[in-house]
């Protein structure tokens, strides 16, 4: 038995190391697949005169787009001094 372990140690290490990695990753993968299936399977709302269904996955995409749009609006919001400077600079360039 000891001779078998010594001669095949690298093969056994590779096999059991791979098995251990798989055993740690499988529960997380199953949980992610279950969460994704639960999110995308439901109808969240019906919209329009044709009663089109809006799924939960489409709602999430719309929510992400809205958050991005709000972040962009917050980034370009100017305080009064910057706004005045911008307007006067544009006025000088136009020549009004």
PDB file of N, CA and C in Angstrom:
ATOM      1  N   UNK A   1       0.820  -1.188   0.000  1.00  0.00           N
ATOM      2  CA  UNK A   1       0.000   0.000   0.000  1.00  0.00           C
ATOM      3  C   UNK A   1       0.874   1.266   0.000  1.00  0.00           C
ATOM      4  N   UNK A   2       1.908   1.264   0.847  1.00  0.00           N
ATOM      5  CA  UNK A   2       2.791   2.418   0.909  1.00  0.00           C
ATOM      6  C   UNK A   2       3.518   2.633  -0.418  1.00  0.00           C
ATOM      7  N   UNK A   3       3.918   1.551  -1.061  1.00  0.00           N
ATOM      8  CA  UNK A   3       4.588   1.647  -2.358  1.00  0.00           C
ATOM      9  C   UNK A   3       3.632   2.232  -3.411  1.00  0.00           C
ATOM     10  N   UNK A   4       2.373   1.805  -3.361  1.00  0.00           N
ATOM     11  CA  UNK A   4       1.380   2.344  -4.300  1.00  0.00           C
ATOM     12  C   UNK A   4       1.217   3.846  -4.110  1.00  0.00           C
ATOM     13  N   UNK A   5       1.123   4.298  -2.866  1.00  0.00           N
ATOM     14  CA  UNK A   5       0.983   5.734  -2.578  1.00  0.00           C
ATOM     15  C   UNK A   5       2.211   6.520  -3.026  1.00  0.00           C
ATOM     16  N   UNK A   6       3.393   5.962  -2.833  1.00  0.00           N
ATOM     17  CA  UNK A   6       4.623   6.652  -3.246  1.00  0.00           C
ATOM     18  C   UNK A   6       4.720   6.745  -4.761  1.00  0.00           C
ATOM     19  N   UNK A   7       4.349   5.711  -5.483  1.00  0.00           N
ATOM     20  CA  UNK A   7       4.503   5.716  -6.944  1.00  0.00           C
ATOM     21  C   UNK A   7       3.441   6.565  -7.626  1.00  0.00           C
ATOM     22  N   UNK A   8       2.266   6.668  -7.038  1.00  0.00           N
ATOM     23  CA  UNK A   8       1.165   7.409  -7.670  1.00  0.00           C
ATOM     24  C   UNK A   8       0.794   8.675  -6.900  1.00  0.00           C
ATOM     25  N   UNK A   9       1.719   9.243  -6.179  1.00  0.00           N
ATOM     26  CA  UNK A   9       1.401  10.390  -5.319  1.00  0.00           C
ATOM     27  C   UNK A   9       0.950  11.612  -6.116  1.00  0.00           C
ATOM     28  N   UNK A  10       1.603  11.918  -7.219  1.00  0.00           N
ATOM     29  CA  UNK A  10       1.210  13.106  -7.992  1.00  0.00           C
ATOM     30  C   UNK A  10      -0.156  12.914  -8.639  1.00  0.00           C
ATOM     31  N   UNK A  11      -0.433  11.721  -9.116  1.00  0.00           N
ATOM     32  CA  UNK A  11      -1.740  11.437  -9.717  1.00  0.00           C
ATOM     33  C   UNK A  11      -2.833  11.526  -8.651  1.00  0.00           C
ATOM     34  N   UNK A  12      -2.589  10.968  -7.487  1.00  0.00           N
ATOM     35  CA  UNK A  12      -3.576  11.033  -6.408  1.00  0.00           C
ATOM     36  C   UNK A  12      -3.775  12.467  -5.924  1.00  0.00           C
ATOM     37  N   UNK A  13      -2.693  13.237  -5.844  1.00  0.00           N
ATOM     38  CA  UNK A  13      -2.791  14.635  -5.428  1.00  0.00           C
ATOM     39  C   UNK A  13      -3.629  15.433  -6.426  1.00  0.00           C
ATOM     40  N   UNK A  14      -3.392  15.215  -7.706  1.00  0.00           N
ATOM     41  CA  UNK A  14      -4.169  15.923  -8.727  1.00  0.00           C
ATOM     42  C   UNK A  14      -5.638  15.517  -8.668  1.00  0.00           C
ATOM     43  N   UNK A  15      -5.903  14.245  -8.512  1.00  0.00           N
ATOM     44  CA  UNK A  15      -7.287  13.758  -8.482  1.00  0.00           C
ATOM     45  C   UNK A  15      -8.042  14.305  -7.280  1.00  0.00           C
ATOM     46  N   UNK A  16      -7.475  14.131  -6.084  1.00  0.00           N
ATOM     47  CA  UNK A  16      -8.167  14.572  -4.878  1.00  0.00           C
ATOM     48  C   UNK A  16      -8.208  16.096  -4.752  1.00  0.00           C
ATOM     49  N   UNK A  17      -7.203  16.787  -5.278  1.00  0.00           N
ATOM     50  CA  UNK A  17      -7.249  18.254  -5.299  1.00  0.00           C
ATOM     51  C   UNK A  17      -8.362  18.767  -6.189  1.00  0.00           C
ATOM     52  N   UNK A  18      -8.511  18.150  -7.360  1.00  0.00           N
ATOM     53  CA  UNK A  18      -9.599  18.530  -8.268  1.00  0.00           C
ATOM     54  C   UNK A  18     -10.952  18.209  -7.664  1.00  0.00           C
ATOM     55  N   UNK A  19     -11.055  17.050  -7.030  1.00  0.00           N
ATOM     56  CA  UNK A  19     -12.305  16.655  -6.385  1.00  0.00           C
ATOM     57  C   UNK A  19     -12.668  17.636  -5.273  1.00  0.00           C
ATOM     58  N   UNK A  20     -11.691  18.061  -4.511  1.00  0.00           N
ATOM     59  CA  UNK A  20     -11.940  19.012  -3.435  1.00  0.00           C
ATOM     60  C   UNK A  20     -12.406  20.363  -3.987  1.00  0.00           C
ATOM     61  N   UNK A  21     -11.781  20.840  -5.069  1.00  0.00           N
ATOM     62  CA  UNK A  21     -12.219  22.095  -5.687  1.00  0.00           C
ATOM     63  C   UNK A  21     -13.653  21.990  -6.170  1.00  0.00           C
ATOM     64  N   UNK A  22     -13.975  20.888  -6.804  1.00  0.00           N
ATOM     65  CA  UNK A  22     -15.336  20.697  -7.312  1.00  0.00           C
ATOM     66  C   UNK A  22     -16.333  20.667  -6.162  1.00  0.00           C
ATOM     67  N   UNK A  23     -15.983  20.005  -5.083  1.00  0.00           N
ATOM     68  CA  UNK A  23     -16.900  19.917  -3.941  1.00  0.00           C
ATOM     69  C   UNK A  23     -17.145  21.280  -3.307  1.00  0.00           C
ATOM     70  N   UNK A  24     -16.182  22.176  -3.356  1.00  0.00           N
ATOM     71  CA  UNK A  24     -16.390  23.517  -2.823  1.00  0.00           C
ATOM     72  C   UNK A  24     -17.161  24.407  -3.785  1.00  0.00           C
ATOM     73  N   UNK A  25     -17.035  24.189  -5.083  1.00  0.00           N
ATOM     74  CA  UNK A  25     -17.679  25.063  -6.061  1.00  0.00           C
ATOM     75  C   UNK A  25     -19.110  24.661  -6.396  1.00  0.00           C
ATOM     76  N   UNK A  26     -19.445  23.399  -6.291  1.00  0.00           N
ATOM     77  CA  UNK A  26     -20.766  22.925  -6.698  1.00  0.00           C
ATOM     78  C   UNK A  26     -21.893  23.580  -5.898  1.00  0.00           C
ATOM     79  N   UNK A  27     -21.840  23.658  -4.572  1.00  0.00           N
ATOM     80  CA  UNK A  27     -22.957  24.292  -3.855  1.00  0.00           C
ATOM     81  C   UNK A  27     -23.179  25.750  -4.248  1.00  0.00           C
ATOM     82  N   UNK A  28     -22.103  26.478  -4.454  1.00  0.00           N
ATOM     83  CA  UNK A  28     -22.239  27.881  -4.855  1.00  0.00           C
ATOM     84  C   UNK A  28     -22.858  27.982  -6.244  1.00  0.00           C
ATOM     85  N   UNK A  29     -22.457  27.125  -7.157  1.00  0.00           N
ATOM     86  CA  UNK A  29     -23.021  27.149  -8.508  1.00  0.00           C
ATOM     87  C   UNK A  29     -24.502  26.798  -8.486  1.00  0.00           C
ATOM     88  N   UNK A  30     -24.873  25.809  -7.694  1.00  0.00           N
ATOM     89  CA  UNK A  30     -26.286  25.431  -7.598  1.00  0.00           C
ATOM     90  C   UNK A  30     -27.107  26.574  -7.033  1.00  0.00           C
ATOM     91  N   UNK A  31     -26.581  27.245  -6.034  1.00  0.00           N
ATOM     92  CA  UNK A  31     -27.305  28.370  -5.439  1.00  0.00           C
ATOM     93  C   UNK A  31     -27.468  29.508  -6.451  1.00  0.00           C
ATOM     94  N   UNK A  32     -26.423  29.821  -7.218  1.00  0.00           N
ATOM     95  CA  UNK A  32     -26.514  30.887  -8.217  1.00  0.00           C
ATOM     96  C   UNK A  32     -27.518  30.547  -9.307  1.00  0.00           C
ATOM     97  N   UNK A  33     -27.522  29.295  -9.770  1.00  0.00           N
ATOM     98  CA  UNK A  33     -28.492  28.889 -10.792  1.00  0.00           C
ATOM     99  C   UNK A  33     -29.920  28.981 -10.260  1.00  0.00           C
ATOM    100  N   UNK A  34     -30.125  28.589  -9.019  1.00  0.00           N
ATOM    101  CA  UNK A  34     -31.467  28.651  -8.436  1.00  0.00           C
ATOM    102  C   UNK A  34     -31.936  30.095  -8.287  1.00  0.00           C
ATOM    103  N   UNK A  35     -31.047  30.981  -7.851  1.00  0.00           N
ATOM    104  CA  UNK A  35     -31.428  32.388  -7.712  1.00  0.00           C
ATOM    105  C   UNK A  35     -31.750  33.004  -9.061  1.00  0.00           C
ATOM    106  N   UNK A  36     -30.942  32.698 -10.077  1.00  0.00           N
ATOM    107  CA  UNK A  36     -31.182  33.236 -11.408  1.00  0.00           C
ATOM    108  C   UNK A  36     -32.499  32.718 -11.984  1.00  0.00           C
ATOM    109  N   UNK A  37     -32.792  31.453 -11.762  1.00  0.00           N
ATOM    110  CA  UNK A  37     -34.051  30.889 -12.259  1.00  0.00           C
ATOM    111  C   UNK A  37     -35.247  31.506 -11.551  1.00  0.00           C
ATOM    112  N   UNK A  38     -35.102  31.759 -10.268  1.00  0.00           N
ATOM    113  CA  UNK A  38     -36.205  32.366  -9.515  1.00  0.00           C
ATOM    114  C   UNK A  38     -36.448  33.802  -9.958  1.00  0.00           C
ATOM    115  N   UNK A  39     -35.386  34.528 -10.286  1.00  0.00           N
ATOM    116  CA  UNK A  39     -35.533  35.924 -10.700  1.00  0.00           C
ATOM    117  C   UNK A  39     -36.144  36.046 -12.084  1.00  0.00           C
ATOM    118  N   UNK A  40     -35.750  35.201 -13.008  1.00  0.00           N
ATOM    119  CA  UNK A  40     -36.142  35.400 -14.391  1.00  0.00           C
ATOM    120  C   UNK A  40     -37.438  34.697 -14.762  1.00  0.00           C
ATOM    121  N   UNK A  41     -38.005  33.901 -13.880  1.00  0.00           N
ATOM    122  CA  UNK A  41     -39.168  33.117 -14.281  1.00  0.00           C
ATOM    123  C   UNK A  41     -40.477  33.847 -14.064  1.00  0.00           C
ATOM    124  N   UNK A  42     -40.523  34.794 -13.170  1.00  0.00           N
ATOM    125  CA  UNK A  42     -41.792  35.415 -12.817  1.00  0.00           C
ATOM    126  C   UNK A  42     -42.154  36.597 -13.691  1.00  0.00           C
ATOM    127  N   UNK A  43     -43.462  36.813 -13.836  1.00  0.00           N
ATOM    128  CA  UNK A  43     -43.966  37.999 -14.525  1.00  0.00           C
ATOM    129  C   UNK A  43     -44.129  39.074 -13.472  1.00  0.00           C
ATOM    130  N   UNK A  44     -43.475  40.201 -13.691  1.00  0.00           N
ATOM    131  CA  UNK A  44     -43.483  41.265 -12.714  1.00  0.00           C
ATOM    132  C   UNK A  44     -44.660  42.221 -12.927  1.00  0.00           C
ATOM    133  N   UNK A  45     -44.991  42.494 -14.210  1.00  0.00           N
ATOM    134  CA  UNK A  45     -46.085  43.417 -14.506  1.00  0.00           C
ATOM    135  C   UNK A  45     -46.582  43.177 -15.923  1.00  0.00           C
ATOM    136  N   UNK A  46     -47.755  43.736 -16.216  1.00  0.00           N
ATOM    137  CA  UNK A  46     -48.263  43.760 -17.587  1.00  0.00           C
ATOM    138  C   UNK A  46     -48.390  45.216 -17.998  1.00  0.00           C
ATOM    139  N   UNK A  47     -47.999  45.512 -19.245  1.00  0.00           N
ATOM    140  CA  UNK A  47     -47.890  46.896 -19.683  1.00  0.00           C
ATOM    141  C   UNK A  47     -48.575  47.059 -21.028  1.00  0.00           C
ATOM    142  N   UNK A  48     -49.204  48.216 -21.203  1.00  0.00           N
ATOM    143  CA  UNK A  48     -49.723  48.604 -22.498  1.00  0.00           C
ATOM    144  C   UNK A  48     -51.082  48.029 -22.826  1.00  0.00           C
ATOM    145  N   UNK A  49     -51.609  48.486 -23.968  1.00  0.00           N
ATOM    146  CA  UNK A  49     -52.937  48.009 -24.360  1.00  0.00           C
ATOM    147  C   UNK A  49     -52.940  46.537 -24.787  1.00  0.00           C
ATOM    148  N   UNK A  50     -51.791  46.033 -25.195  1.00  0.00           N
ATOM    149  CA  UNK A  50     -51.713  44.633 -25.611  1.00  0.00           C
ATOM    150  C   UNK A  50     -51.438  43.697 -24.447  1.00  0.00           C
ATOM    151  N   UNK A  51     -51.348  44.244 -23.246  1.00  0.00           N
ATOM    152  CA  UNK A  51     -51.071  43.459 -22.035  1.00  0.00           C
ATOM    153  C   UNK A  51     -49.788  42.646 -22.163  1.00  0.00           C
ATOM    154  N   UNK A  52     -48.697  43.332 -22.563  1.00  0.00           N
ATOM    155  CA  UNK A  52     -47.398  42.673 -22.671  1.00  0.00           C
ATOM    156  C   UNK A  52     -46.839  42.393 -21.280  1.00  0.00           C
ATOM    157  N   UNK A  53     -46.277  41.203 -21.104  1.00  0.00           N
ATOM    158  CA  UNK A  53     -45.695  40.821 -19.823  1.00  0.00           C
ATOM    159  C   UNK A  53     -44.283  41.366 -19.694  1.00  0.00           C
ATOM    160  N   UNK A  54     -43.987  41.886 -18.530  1.00  0.00           N
ATOM    161  CA  UNK A  54     -42.641  42.331 -18.203  1.00  0.00           C
ATOM    162  C   UNK A  54     -42.107  41.392 -17.143  1.00  0.00           C
ATOM    163  N   UNK A  55     -41.036  40.693 -17.470  1.00  0.00           N
ATOM    164  CA  UNK A  55     -40.464  39.733 -16.541  1.00  0.00           C
ATOM    165  C   UNK A  55     -39.573  40.396 -15.511  1.00  0.00           C
ATOM    166  N   UNK A  56     -39.223  39.619 -14.511  1.00  0.00           N
ATOM    167  CA  UNK A  56     -38.358  40.140 -13.448  1.00  0.00           C
ATOM    168  C   UNK A  56     -36.971  40.466 -13.966  1.00  0.00           C
ATOM    169  N   UNK A  57     -36.495  39.705 -14.951  1.00  0.00           N
ATOM    170  CA  UNK A  57     -35.167  39.984 -15.500  1.00  0.00           C
ATOM    171  C   UNK A  57     -35.155  41.298 -16.266  1.00  0.00           C
ATOM    172  N   UNK A  58     -36.237  41.601 -16.997  1.00  0.00           N
ATOM    173  CA  UNK A  58     -36.322  42.884 -17.700  1.00  0.00           C
ATOM    174  C   UNK A  58     -36.427  44.035 -16.702  1.00  0.00           C
ATOM    175  N   UNK A  59     -37.130  43.809 -15.603  1.00  0.00           N
ATOM    176  CA  UNK A  59     -37.243  44.826 -14.566  1.00  0.00           C
ATOM    177  C   UNK A  59     -35.879  45.125 -13.946  1.00  0.00           C
ATOM    178  N   UNK A  60     -35.082  44.087 -13.712  1.00  0.00           N
ATOM    179  CA  UNK A  60     -33.743  44.303 -13.168  1.00  0.00           C
ATOM    180  C   UNK A  60     -32.866  45.100 -14.119  1.00  0.00           C
ATOM    181  N   UNK A  61     -32.950  44.795 -15.423  1.00  0.00           N
ATOM    182  CA  UNK A  61     -32.178  45.553 -16.403  1.00  0.00           C
ATOM    183  C   UNK A  61     -32.606  47.012 -16.423  1.00  0.00           C
ATOM    184  N   UNK A  62     -33.918  47.250 -16.351  1.00  0.00           N
ATOM    185  CA  UNK A  62     -34.414  48.626 -16.329  1.00  0.00           C
ATOM    186  C   UNK A  62     -33.953  49.344 -15.059  1.00  0.00           C
ATOM    187  N   UNK A  63     -33.929  48.632 -13.937  1.00  0.00           N
ATOM    188  CA  UNK A  63     -33.470  49.228 -12.682  1.00  0.00           C
ATOM    189  C   UNK A  63     -31.995  49.609 -12.775  1.00  0.00           C
ATOM    190  N   UNK A  64     -31.174  48.741 -13.372  1.00  0.00           N
ATOM    191  CA  UNK A  64     -29.752  49.048 -13.532  1.00  0.00           C
ATOM    192  C   UNK A  64     -29.560  50.250 -14.448  1.00  0.00           C
ATOM    193  N   UNK A  65     -30.344  50.328 -15.544  1.00  0.00           N
ATOM    194  CA  UNK A  65     -30.256  51.484 -16.436  1.00  0.00           C
ATOM    195  C   UNK A  65     -30.651  52.768 -15.723  1.00  0.00           C
ATOM    196  N   UNK A  66     -31.693  52.700 -14.902  1.00  0.00           N
ATOM    197  CA  UNK A  66     -32.137  53.879 -14.157  1.00  0.00           C
ATOM    198  C   UNK A  66     -31.076  54.339 -13.174  1.00  0.00           C
ATOM    199  N   UNK A  67     -30.447  53.393 -12.473  1.00  0.00           N
ATOM    200  CA  UNK A  67     -29.392  53.763 -11.534  1.00  0.00           C
ATOM    201  C   UNK A  67     -28.214  54.403 -12.248  1.00  0.00           C
ATOM    202  N   UNK A  68     -27.864  53.885 -13.418  1.00  0.00           N
ATOM    203  CA  UNK A  68     -26.780  54.470 -14.202  1.00  0.00           C
ATOM    204  C   UNK A  68     -27.143  55.885 -14.650  1.00  0.00           C
ATOM    205  N   UNK A  69     -28.372  56.073 -15.120  1.00  0.00           N
ATOM    206  CA  UNK A  69     -28.822  57.389 -15.566  1.00  0.00           C
ATOM    207  C   UNK A  69     -28.815  58.390 -14.419  1.00  0.00           C
ATOM    208  N   UNK A  70     -29.283  57.953 -13.238  1.00  0.00           N
ATOM    209  CA  UNK A  70     -29.280  58.856 -12.082  1.00  0.00           C
ATOM    210  C   UNK A  70     -27.860  59.202 -11.655  1.00  0.00           C
ATOM    211  N   UNK A  71     -26.942  58.235 -11.751  1.00  0.00           N
ATOM    212  CA  UNK A  71     -25.550  58.517 -11.403  1.00  0.00           C
ATOM    213  C   UNK A  71     -24.944  59.524 -12.374  1.00  0.00           C
ATOM    214  N   UNK A  72     -25.285  59.405 -13.656  1.00  0.00           N
ATOM    215  CA  UNK A  72     -24.782  60.364 -14.639  1.00  0.00           C
ATOM    216  C   UNK A  72     -25.344  61.753 -14.393  1.00  0.00           C
ATOM    217  N   UNK A  73     -26.629  61.822 -14.048  1.00  0.00           N
ATOM    218  CA  UNK A  73     -27.227  63.131 -13.753  1.00  0.00           C
ATOM    219  C   UNK A  73     -26.582  63.757 -12.522  1.00  0.00           C
ATOM    220  N   UNK A  74     -26.310  62.954 -11.514  1.00  0.00           N
ATOM    221  CA  UNK A  74     -25.648  63.488 -10.322  1.00  0.00           C
ATOM    222  C   UNK A  74     -24.248  63.974 -10.639  1.00  0.00           C
ATOM    223  N   UNK A  75     -23.590  63.317 -11.578  1.00  0.00           N
ATOM    224  CA  UNK A  75     -22.223  63.698 -11.928  1.00  0.00           C
ATOM    225  C   UNK A  75     -22.175  65.032 -12.668  1.00  0.00           C
ATOM    226  N   UNK A  76     -23.226  65.352 -13.440  1.00  0.00           N
ATOM    227  CA  UNK A  76     -23.185  66.589 -14.222  1.00  0.00           C
ATOM    228  C   UNK A  76     -23.941  67.739 -13.560  1.00  0.00           C
ATOM    229  N   UNK A  77     -24.486  67.535 -12.378  1.00  0.00           N
ATOM    230  CA  UNK A  77     -25.178  68.607 -11.673  1.00  0.00           C
ATOM    231  C   UNK A  77     -24.147  69.654 -11.237  1.00  0.00           C
ATOM    232  N   UNK A  78     -24.433  70.909 -11.556  1.00  0.00           N
ATOM    233  CA  UNK A  78     -23.495  71.994 -11.259  1.00  0.00           C
ATOM    234  C   UNK A  78     -24.033  72.855 -10.128  1.00  0.00           C
ATOM    235  N   UNK A  79     -23.145  73.356  -9.293  1.00  0.00           N
ATOM    236  CA  UNK A  79     -23.585  74.323  -8.308  1.00  0.00           C
ATOM    237  C   UNK A  79     -23.682  75.694  -8.981  1.00  0.00           C
ATOM    238  N   UNK A  80     -24.141  76.680  -8.277  1.00  0.00           N
ATOM    239  CA  UNK A  80     -24.454  77.969  -8.890  1.00  0.00           C
ATOM    240  C   UNK A  80     -23.207  78.679  -9.437  1.00  0.00           C
ATOM    241  N   UNK A  81     -22.070  78.602  -8.756  1.00  0.00           N
ATOM    242  CA  UNK A  81     -20.863  79.282  -9.240  1.00  0.00           C
ATOM    243  C   UNK A  81     -20.357  78.643 -10.532  1.00  0.00           C
ATOM    244  N   UNK A  82     -20.298  77.326 -10.554  1.00  0.00           N
ATOM    245  CA  UNK A  82     -19.843  76.651 -11.768  1.00  0.00           C
ATOM    246  C   UNK A  82     -20.814  76.902 -12.923  1.00  0.00           C
ATOM    247  N   UNK A  83     -22.107  76.899 -12.600  1.00  0.00           N
ATOM    248  CA  UNK A  83     -23.109  77.133 -13.632  1.00  0.00           C
ATOM    249  C   UNK A  83     -22.966  78.536 -14.205  1.00  0.00           C
ATOM    250  N   UNK A  84     -22.754  79.540 -13.360  1.00  0.00           N
ATOM    251  CA  UNK A  84     -22.582  80.918 -13.817  1.00  0.00           C
ATOM    252  C   UNK A  84     -21.320  81.053 -14.670  1.00  0.00           C
ATOM    253  N   UNK A  85     -20.219  80.426 -14.234  1.00  0.00           N
ATOM    254  CA  UNK A  85     -18.973  80.475 -14.993  1.00  0.00           C
ATOM    255  C   UNK A  85     -19.146  79.826 -16.368  1.00  0.00           C
ATOM    256  N   UNK A  86     -19.841  78.709 -16.392  1.00  0.00           N
ATOM    257  CA  UNK A  86     -20.074  78.019 -17.658  1.00  0.00           C
ATOM    258  C   UNK A  86     -20.910  78.882 -18.594  1.00  0.00           C
ATOM    259  N   UNK A  87     -21.959  79.484 -18.077  1.00  0.00           N
ATOM    260  CA  UNK A  87     -22.810  80.328 -18.924  1.00  0.00           C
ATOM    261  C   UNK A  87     -22.074  81.563 -19.441  1.00  0.00           C
ATOM    262  N   UNK A  88     -21.269  82.206 -18.604  1.00  0.00           N
ATOM    263  CA  UNK A  88     -20.531  83.382 -19.063  1.00  0.00           C
ATOM    264  C   UNK A  88     -19.466  83.010 -20.089  1.00  0.00           C
ATOM    265  N   UNK A  89     -18.824  81.862 -19.927  1.00  0.00           N
ATOM    266  CA  UNK A  89     -17.827  81.410 -20.900  1.00  0.00           C
ATOM    267  C   UNK A  89     -18.484  81.117 -22.242  1.00  0.00           C
ATOM    268  N   UNK A  90     -19.622  80.464 -22.214  1.00  0.00           N
ATOM    269  CA  UNK A  90     -20.343  80.167 -23.460  1.00  0.00           C
ATOM    270  C   UNK A  90     -20.795  81.480 -24.106  1.00  0.00           C
ATOM    271  N   UNK A  91     -21.238  82.413 -23.316  1.00  0.00           N
ATOM    272  CA  UNK A  91     -21.670  83.705 -23.853  1.00  0.00           C
ATOM    273  C   UNK A  91     -20.514  84.430 -24.518  1.00  0.00           C
ATOM    274  N   UNK A  92     -19.325  84.391 -23.922  1.00  0.00           N
ATOM    275  CA  UNK A  92     -18.166  85.027 -24.538  1.00  0.00           C
ATOM    276  C   UNK A  92     -17.780  84.365 -25.847  1.00  0.00           C
ATOM    277  N   UNK A  93     -17.881  83.042 -25.869  1.00  0.00           N
ATOM    278  CA  UNK A  93     -17.526  82.303 -27.103  1.00  0.00           C
ATOM    279  C   UNK A  93     -18.503  82.633 -28.224  1.00  0.00           C
ATOM    280  N   UNK A  94     -19.778  82.680 -27.889  1.00  0.00           N
ATOM    281  CA  UNK A  94     -20.807  82.973 -28.912  1.00  0.00           C
ATOM    282  C   UNK A  94     -20.730  84.441 -29.331  1.00  0.00           C
ATOM    283  N   UNK A  95     -20.409  85.302 -28.382  1.00  0.00           N
ATOM    284  CA  UNK A  95     -20.257  86.715 -28.708  1.00  0.00           C
ATOM    285  C   UNK A  95     -21.534  87.500 -28.528  1.00  0.00           C
ATOM    286  N   UNK A  96     -22.404  87.047 -27.687  1.00  0.00           N
ATOM    287  CA  UNK A  96     -23.666  87.755 -27.475  1.00  0.00           C
ATOM    288  C   UNK A  96     -23.479  88.929 -26.562  1.00  0.00           C
TER     289      UNK A  96
END
